[in-house]
Amino acid sequence: MIVGTHRPSKLIIDRSAIRENIKREQVRLGNDVAIFAVLKANAYGMGTLEIAKVAKESGVTGFCVAILDEALALRASGFKEPILVMSVTSIEDVALASDLDISLTMPSVSWLEDVSKLELSKPLNVHVKLDTGMGRIGLIEEDDIKKTLTLFSKNQQLILEGLFMHFAKADSEDLAHFNLQKERFIRMKRFFPDNIKYIHTSNSAATIFRDAWGSNMVRFGFSLYGMNPTGRDLDMPYPVADALSIETALTHVKQLKKGESVSYGATYYTKSDEWIGTLPLGYGDGFSRGFQGFEVLIDGEKAPIIGRMCMDQCMIRLSKEYPVGTKVTIVGKNGDNINTLQDMADHLGTICAEILCRFTDRMPREYIN
């Protein structure tokens, strides 16, 4: 996708916030727990390679990604740190991963059986996934665990590098499901040797709210970027620094008479003579049509998005006439007012990560600090 550098709409990523969040968490965890930065989905929309560079400089010792292509991009850019692909990798691509020292997740016994039949030029690092209550991928049955360990013992090409699980409700005040998953993990883990390099149960939520239970490595994603994994459900035990702000500027300003409609479907009519500003962003940039009614910031004041979001533009109601080029803040501080990514998520009834993943490459990423 062509990047829109010749318009004022942009995502601004603060490197210092990333550094601060990593360093604060490392101090809290201690040096015996490794931090792997989660860089899936273009590092939550903030730019994989740039965030990887900042994370590495901040002491992160490895990376987690969702798909093999994300790992390949890191290797092609010169990153030599451990990389774990957390989703299922096709058997046809396993040799490529092993050649580049990319660790893969074992989702099932059948997958490992197929891998064990391959002729690999280099040993493959494998992280065994246990399904303790997420219902996604991973082993459940004791017999499958025993079969897995037999396959590792018989094949020197397979290295049992990691053992992990994923908490489904680490961000909930109700600990019943969290405790159930803990009990299951403890029961299943006892079959495995004690010298596995990485034991990781904790995403950001479990790292922050459950003290990284059972982990000597954590998968730090959500809070790496300054987000509360619970939204507003639980208060963070310490502040995190917001890594993202979103800015644009007025490209057109006019006054409409009372009773005039704005945008597609004529879902908004002016209630009096109103100043209307046009912004150069829309759902083609990842801003859902559901953002109608969301309040952006201009000159320290709130201004609602009126009418439906267009693909490339949207309109806001102004309190007065402003000159074209006046800065408008979607996320971040403007005067004495602040908009957060959580405000955007609340408006749509979703989570911050989904909002971030929607931003298209047409929105340029500007890195500061």
Protein backbone atom coordinates (compact mmCIF):
# COMPACT_ATOMS: atom_id res chain seq x y z
CA MET A 1 0.00 0.00 0.00
CA ILE A 2 1.22 3.49 -0.84
CA VAL A 3 2.14 5.51 2.27
CA GLY A 4 0.35 8.86 2.58
CA THR A 5 3.32 11.12 3.29
CA HIS A 6 1.83 14.13 1.52
CA ARG A 7 -0.97 14.74 4.00
CA PRO A 8 -0.89 15.55 7.73
CA SER A 9 -2.39 12.29 9.10
CA LYS A 10 0.14 10.09 10.90
CA LEU A 11 0.81 7.67 13.72
CA ILE A 12 3.53 8.88 16.06
CA ILE A 13 5.40 6.20 17.99
CA ASP A 14 7.45 7.25 20.99
CA ARG A 15 10.55 5.08 21.30
CA SER A 16 11.22 6.36 24.81
CA ALA A 17 7.86 4.94 25.97
CA ILE A 18 8.79 1.50 24.60
CA ARG A 19 12.14 1.66 26.37
CA GLU A 20 10.55 2.77 29.64
CA ASN A 21 7.94 0.01 29.62
CA ILE A 22 10.52 -2.70 28.96
CA LYS A 23 13.01 -1.47 31.54
CA ARG A 24 10.39 -1.00 34.23
CA GLU A 25 9.07 -4.52 33.68
CA GLN A 26 12.56 -6.05 33.67
CA VAL A 27 13.31 -4.43 37.03
CA ARG A 28 10.03 -5.76 38.39
CA LEU A 29 10.63 -9.30 37.09
CA GLY A 30 14.30 -9.52 37.98
CA ASN A 31 17.16 -10.69 35.80
CA ASP A 32 16.20 -14.37 36.05
CA VAL A 33 13.16 -13.86 33.80
CA ALA A 34 13.74 -13.16 30.12
CA ILE A 35 11.51 -10.77 28.19
CA PHE A 36 10.52 -11.62 24.62
CA ALA A 37 8.89 -8.73 22.77
CA VAL A 38 5.71 -9.72 20.95
CA LEU A 39 5.93 -8.26 17.43
CA LYS A 40 3.00 -9.95 15.73
CA ALA A 41 0.72 -8.05 13.34
CA ASN A 42 3.38 -5.48 12.47
CA ALA A 43 4.19 -5.00 16.16
CA TYR A 44 0.57 -4.20 16.94
CA GLY A 45 0.52 -1.82 14.01
CA MET A 46 3.56 0.16 15.16
CA GLY A 47 6.19 -1.27 12.80
CA THR A 48 7.93 -4.61 13.34
CA LEU A 49 11.50 -3.73 12.48
CA GLU A 50 11.64 -0.40 14.27
CA ILE A 51 10.05 -1.79 17.45
CA ALA A 52 12.37 -4.81 17.33
CA LYS A 53 15.37 -2.48 17.19
CA VAL A 54 14.16 -0.41 20.15
CA ALA A 55 13.25 -3.53 22.14
CA LYS A 56 16.66 -5.08 21.54
CA GLU A 57 18.39 -1.88 22.64
CA SER A 58 16.26 -1.96 25.79
CA GLY A 59 17.42 -5.43 26.84
CA VAL A 60 14.84 -7.73 25.31
CA THR A 61 16.51 -11.07 24.56
CA GLY A 62 14.07 -12.56 22.03
CA PHE A 63 10.97 -12.04 19.94
CA CYS A 64 7.57 -13.68 19.52
CA VAL A 65 5.66 -13.49 16.25
CA ALA A 66 2.47 -15.02 14.95
CA ILE A 67 3.50 -16.26 11.50
CA LEU A 68 6.71 -17.47 9.90
CA ASP A 69 6.87 -14.54 7.49
CA GLU A 70 7.22 -12.14 10.42
CA ALA A 71 10.18 -14.16 11.69
CA LEU A 72 11.75 -14.25 8.22
CA ALA A 73 11.52 -10.46 7.98
CA LEU A 74 13.39 -10.13 11.28
CA ARG A 75 16.12 -12.51 10.15
CA ALA A 76 16.42 -10.74 6.79
CA SER A 77 16.96 -7.48 8.67
CA GLY A 78 19.84 -8.94 10.66
CA PHE A 79 18.21 -9.81 13.99
CA LYS A 80 19.96 -12.86 15.42
CA GLU A 81 18.01 -13.14 18.69
CA PRO A 82 15.74 -16.15 19.40
CA ILE A 83 12.42 -15.90 17.57
CA LEU A 84 9.36 -18.01 18.37
CA VAL A 85 6.51 -18.43 15.88
CA MET A 86 3.48 -18.92 18.12
CA SER A 87 0.93 -20.11 15.55
CA VAL A 88 0.95 -23.27 13.46
CA THR A 89 3.65 -23.46 10.77
CA SER A 90 3.05 -25.63 7.71
CA ILE A 91 5.17 -28.76 7.47
CA GLU A 92 6.41 -27.54 4.08
CA ASP A 93 8.04 -24.54 5.79
CA VAL A 94 9.66 -26.28 8.74
CA ALA A 95 13.02 -26.77 6.99
CA LEU A 96 13.20 -23.06 6.22
CA ALA A 97 12.61 -22.24 9.87
CA SER A 98 15.26 -24.66 11.08
CA ASP A 99 17.80 -23.30 8.56
CA LEU A 100 17.36 -19.83 10.06
CA ASP A 101 17.24 -20.90 13.73
CA ILE A 102 13.60 -19.92 14.08
CA SER A 103 11.77 -21.75 16.87
CA LEU A 104 8.37 -23.22 16.09
CA THR A 105 5.33 -24.06 18.18
CA MET A 106 4.21 -27.67 18.36
CA PRO A 107 0.40 -27.60 18.21
CA SER A 108 -0.27 -31.36 18.14
CA VAL A 109 1.32 -34.80 18.15
CA SER A 110 0.49 -35.31 14.46
CA TRP A 111 2.40 -32.14 13.58
CA LEU A 112 5.49 -33.34 15.45
CA GLU A 113 5.19 -36.78 13.84
CA ASP A 114 5.22 -35.18 10.40
CA VAL A 115 8.18 -32.99 11.33
CA SER A 116 10.13 -35.98 12.63
CA LYS A 117 9.97 -37.54 9.13
CA LEU A 118 11.72 -34.57 7.52
CA GLU A 119 15.41 -34.46 6.69
CA LEU A 120 16.59 -31.20 8.20
CA SER A 121 20.00 -29.63 7.65
CA LYS A 122 19.93 -28.15 11.15
CA PRO A 123 18.13 -29.15 14.36
CA LEU A 124 14.75 -27.54 14.93
CA ASN A 125 13.97 -25.74 18.17
CA VAL A 126 10.44 -26.60 19.29
CA HIS A 127 8.18 -25.09 21.95
CA VAL A 128 5.47 -27.51 23.05
CA LYS A 129 2.12 -25.84 23.55
CA LEU A 130 -0.16 -27.13 26.31
CA ASP A 131 -3.86 -26.32 26.05
CA THR A 132 -4.90 -25.78 29.64
CA GLY A 133 -8.11 -23.90 28.94
CA MET A 134 -7.70 -21.64 25.93
CA GLY A 135 -9.16 -24.17 23.50
CA ARG A 136 -6.98 -23.02 20.63
CA ILE A 137 -3.93 -25.18 19.89
CA GLY A 138 -1.85 -27.50 22.06
CA LEU A 139 -1.81 -30.80 23.88
CA ILE A 140 -4.54 -31.85 26.30
CA GLU A 141 -4.20 -35.60 26.88
CA GLU A 142 -1.56 -37.34 28.95
CA ASP A 143 -1.05 -39.94 26.23
CA ASP A 144 -0.20 -37.19 23.74
CA ILE A 145 2.40 -35.81 26.12
CA LYS A 146 4.02 -39.22 26.41
CA LYS A 147 4.02 -39.66 22.63
CA THR A 148 5.58 -36.20 22.29
CA LEU A 149 8.41 -37.00 24.67
CA THR A 150 9.07 -40.27 22.86
CA LEU A 151 9.37 -38.44 19.55
CA PHE A 152 11.89 -36.00 21.03
CA SER A 153 13.93 -38.82 22.55
CA LYS A 154 14.12 -40.71 19.25
CA ASN A 155 14.97 -37.78 16.96
CA GLN A 156 18.14 -35.76 17.50
CA GLN A 157 16.91 -33.20 14.98
CA LEU A 158 14.21 -32.07 17.40
CA ILE A 159 15.20 -29.88 20.35
CA LEU A 160 12.71 -29.34 23.15
CA GLU A 161 13.51 -25.68 23.72
CA GLY A 162 10.31 -24.48 25.33
CA LEU A 163 7.10 -25.43 27.09
CA PHE A 164 4.22 -23.00 27.27
CA MET A 165 0.56 -22.21 27.70
CA HIS A 166 -1.70 -19.17 27.34
CA PHE A 167 -3.99 -17.86 30.09
CA ALA A 168 -7.48 -17.00 28.89
CA LYS A 169 -8.53 -14.90 31.91
CA ALA A 170 -5.39 -13.60 33.57
CA ASP A 171 -6.95 -10.15 33.30
CA SER A 172 -10.06 -11.04 35.32
CA GLU A 173 -10.83 -10.49 39.00
CA ASP A 174 -12.51 -13.90 38.93
CA LEU A 175 -9.56 -16.26 39.41
CA ALA A 176 -11.43 -19.56 38.98
CA HIS A 177 -10.40 -20.14 35.36
CA PHE A 178 -6.90 -18.80 35.99
CA ASN A 179 -6.42 -21.25 38.86
CA LEU A 180 -7.85 -24.10 36.79
CA GLN A 181 -5.27 -23.44 34.08
CA LYS A 182 -2.50 -23.25 36.67
CA GLU A 183 -3.48 -26.63 38.10
CA ARG A 184 -3.62 -28.21 34.65
CA PHE A 185 -0.24 -26.79 33.67
CA ILE A 186 1.37 -28.07 36.87
CA ARG A 187 -0.10 -31.51 36.28
CA MET A 188 1.02 -31.66 32.65
CA LYS A 189 4.44 -30.10 33.23
CA ARG A 190 5.50 -32.88 35.60
CA PHE A 191 5.96 -35.24 32.62
CA PHE A 192 8.59 -32.99 31.06
CA PRO A 193 12.30 -32.75 31.96
CA ASP A 194 13.44 -29.98 34.31
CA ASN A 195 16.10 -28.59 31.98
CA ILE A 196 13.83 -27.06 29.33
CA LYS A 197 15.31 -23.67 28.46
CA TYR A 198 12.11 -21.63 28.32
CA ILE A 199 8.99 -22.11 30.41
CA HIS A 200 6.48 -19.40 29.56
CA THR A 201 2.92 -19.11 30.72
CA SER A 202 2.59 -15.34 30.76
CA ASN A 203 1.44 -12.78 28.28
CA SER A 204 1.25 -9.13 29.41
CA ALA A 205 -1.84 -9.71 31.54
CA ALA A 206 -0.35 -12.64 33.45
CA THR A 207 3.02 -10.91 33.68
CA ILE A 208 1.60 -7.76 35.23
CA PHE A 209 -1.39 -8.96 37.23
CA ARG A 210 -0.26 -12.50 38.17
CA ASP A 211 3.47 -11.93 38.70
CA ALA A 212 4.46 -13.92 35.59
CA TRP A 213 3.37 -17.11 37.30
CA GLY A 214 5.41 -20.17 36.36
CA SER A 215 7.60 -18.39 33.82
CA ASN A 216 11.31 -17.88 33.29
CA MET A 217 10.40 -16.06 30.07
CA VAL A 218 7.45 -13.74 29.41
CA ARG A 219 5.75 -12.75 26.18
CA PHE A 220 5.50 -8.97 26.55
CA GLY A 221 3.12 -7.45 24.02
CA PHE A 222 0.13 -5.39 25.07
CA SER A 223 1.88 -3.46 27.83
CA LEU A 224 5.09 -3.10 25.85
CA TYR A 225 3.15 -0.53 23.82
CA GLY A 226 1.61 1.20 26.84
CA MET A 227 -1.77 -0.53 27.00
CA ASN A 228 -3.61 -1.97 29.98
CA PRO A 229 -4.45 -5.59 29.04
CA THR A 230 -7.72 -5.36 30.98
CA GLY A 231 -8.91 -2.17 29.34
CA ARG A 232 -10.41 -0.38 32.33
CA ASP A 233 -11.39 -3.48 34.34
CA LEU A 234 -8.32 -3.53 36.59
CA ASP A 235 -5.96 -0.71 37.51
CA MET A 236 -2.37 -1.22 36.45
CA PRO A 237 -0.08 -1.85 39.44
CA TYR A 238 2.28 0.72 37.96
CA PRO A 239 1.93 3.29 35.18
CA VAL A 240 2.85 2.40 31.63
CA ALA A 241 3.93 4.96 29.07
CA ASP A 242 1.71 5.46 26.03
CA ALA A 243 3.75 4.73 22.92
CA LEU A 244 1.23 5.97 20.37
CA SER A 245 -0.33 9.25 19.40
CA ILE A 246 -2.32 10.01 16.26
CA GLU A 247 -2.41 13.43 14.66
CA THR A 248 -3.87 15.06 11.60
CA ALA A 249 -4.89 18.59 10.57
CA LEU A 250 -7.82 20.45 9.08
CA THR A 251 -7.79 20.39 5.30
CA HIS A 252 -11.04 22.31 4.78
CA VAL A 253 -13.30 24.54 6.90
CA LYS A 254 -16.70 25.94 6.05
CA GLN A 255 -19.91 27.06 7.68
CA LEU A 256 -23.12 25.21 6.93
CA LYS A 257 -26.56 26.66 7.46
CA LYS A 258 -29.02 25.08 9.87
CA GLY A 259 -30.65 21.91 8.50
CA GLU A 260 -27.85 20.91 6.11
CA SER A 261 -26.73 17.26 6.02
CA VAL A 262 -23.18 15.93 6.39
CA SER A 263 -21.65 12.85 4.74
CA TYR A 264 -23.09 9.64 3.30
CA GLY A 265 -26.58 8.63 4.24
CA ALA A 266 -27.34 12.11 5.61
CA THR A 267 -27.15 10.73 9.15
CA TYR A 268 -26.29 14.15 10.58
CA TYR A 269 -28.07 17.47 10.12
CA THR A 270 -26.78 20.76 11.47
CA LYS A 271 -28.84 22.01 14.40
CA SER A 272 -27.87 25.64 13.74
CA ASP A 273 -25.34 27.43 11.58
CA GLU A 274 -22.26 25.27 12.27
CA TRP A 275 -18.57 25.37 11.43
CA ILE A 276 -17.52 22.07 9.87
CA GLY A 277 -13.93 20.89 9.50
CA THR A 278 -12.73 18.13 7.17
CA LEU A 279 -9.95 15.74 8.21
CA PRO A 280 -7.85 13.67 5.77
CA LEU A 281 -8.38 10.18 7.19
CA GLY A 282 -11.08 7.54 7.00
CA TYR A 283 -11.82 3.85 7.02
CA GLY A 284 -9.25 3.37 4.25
CA ASP A 285 -6.71 4.19 6.95
CA GLY A 286 -8.27 1.90 9.54
CA PHE A 287 -10.73 4.27 11.19
CA SER A 288 -13.99 2.34 11.25
CA ARG A 289 -17.27 3.94 10.29
CA GLY A 290 -18.21 3.26 13.90
CA PHE A 291 -16.11 6.26 14.92
CA GLN A 292 -19.00 8.54 14.06
CA GLY A 293 -19.61 10.49 17.27
CA PHE A 294 -16.08 9.99 18.63
CA GLU A 295 -14.60 13.25 19.93
CA VAL A 296 -11.21 14.39 18.65
CA LEU A 297 -9.23 17.30 20.07
CA ILE A 298 -8.53 20.69 18.52
CA ASP A 299 -7.14 23.73 20.32
CA GLY A 300 -7.57 21.82 23.59
CA GLU A 301 -11.30 21.33 22.98
CA LYS A 302 -13.35 18.28 22.05
CA ALA A 303 -14.87 18.14 18.60
CA PRO A 304 -17.19 15.28 17.57
CA ILE A 305 -16.93 13.39 14.29
CA ILE A 306 -20.24 14.06 12.58
CA GLY A 307 -21.80 12.04 9.81
CA ARG A 308 -20.38 8.77 8.58
CA MET A 309 -16.66 8.23 8.19
CA CYS A 310 -15.73 8.22 4.51
CA MET A 311 -12.96 6.07 3.06
CA ASP A 312 -10.44 8.92 3.00
CA GLN A 313 -11.99 11.81 4.93
CA CYS A 314 -14.29 12.63 7.81
CA MET A 315 -15.93 15.73 9.19
CA ILE A 316 -15.93 17.26 12.66
CA ARG A 317 -18.10 19.95 14.25
CA LEU A 318 -16.05 22.97 15.31
CA SER A 319 -16.88 25.49 18.02
CA LYS A 320 -15.65 28.30 15.77
CA GLU A 321 -13.77 28.90 12.55
CA TYR A 322 -10.22 27.54 12.57
CA PRO A 323 -7.63 28.03 9.84
CA VAL A 324 -6.83 25.16 7.49
CA GLY A 325 -3.76 23.36 8.81
CA THR A 326 -4.77 23.54 12.48
CA LYS A 327 -3.56 20.40 14.29
CA VAL A 328 -6.18 17.85 15.32
CA THR A 329 -5.35 15.09 17.82
CA ILE A 330 -7.08 11.74 17.54
CA VAL A 331 -5.00 10.07 20.28
CA GLY A 332 -2.70 12.00 22.59
CA LYS A 333 -2.59 15.31 24.41
CA ASN A 334 -3.93 18.54 23.02
CA GLY A 335 -4.03 21.48 25.42
CA ASP A 336 -5.41 20.24 28.73
CA ASN A 337 -7.33 17.36 27.16
CA ILE A 338 -6.13 13.83 26.45
CA ASN A 339 -7.56 11.15 24.19
CA THR A 340 -6.34 7.59 24.68
CA LEU A 341 -6.39 4.49 22.55
CA GLN A 342 -8.66 3.04 25.22
CA ASP A 343 -11.13 5.85 24.55
CA MET A 344 -11.23 4.76 20.92
CA ALA A 345 -11.68 1.12 21.92
CA ASP A 346 -14.47 1.99 24.35
CA HIS A 347 -16.29 3.93 21.65
CA LEU A 348 -16.31 0.84 19.42
CA GLY A 349 -16.87 -1.66 22.22
CA THR A 350 -13.63 -3.50 21.49
CA ILE A 351 -10.02 -3.69 22.75
CA CYS A 352 -7.01 -1.51 21.99
CA ALA A 353 -5.16 -4.23 20.09
CA GLU A 354 -7.94 -4.55 17.53
CA ILE A 355 -7.88 -0.80 16.95
CA LEU A 356 -4.11 -0.87 16.42
CA CYS A 357 -4.26 -3.75 13.99
CA ARG A 358 -6.74 -1.88 11.81
CA PHE A 359 -4.41 0.98 10.92
CA THR A 360 -3.30 0.49 7.35
CA ASP A 361 0.12 1.14 5.88
CA ARG A 362 -1.25 4.25 4.22
CA MET A 363 -0.90 5.93 7.61
CA PRO A 364 2.80 6.84 7.95
CA ARG A 365 4.57 5.85 11.15
CA GLU A 366 6.75 8.62 12.57
CA TYR A 367 9.23 7.62 15.27
CA ILE A 368 10.36 10.09 17.90
CA ASN A 369 12.83 10.08 20.82
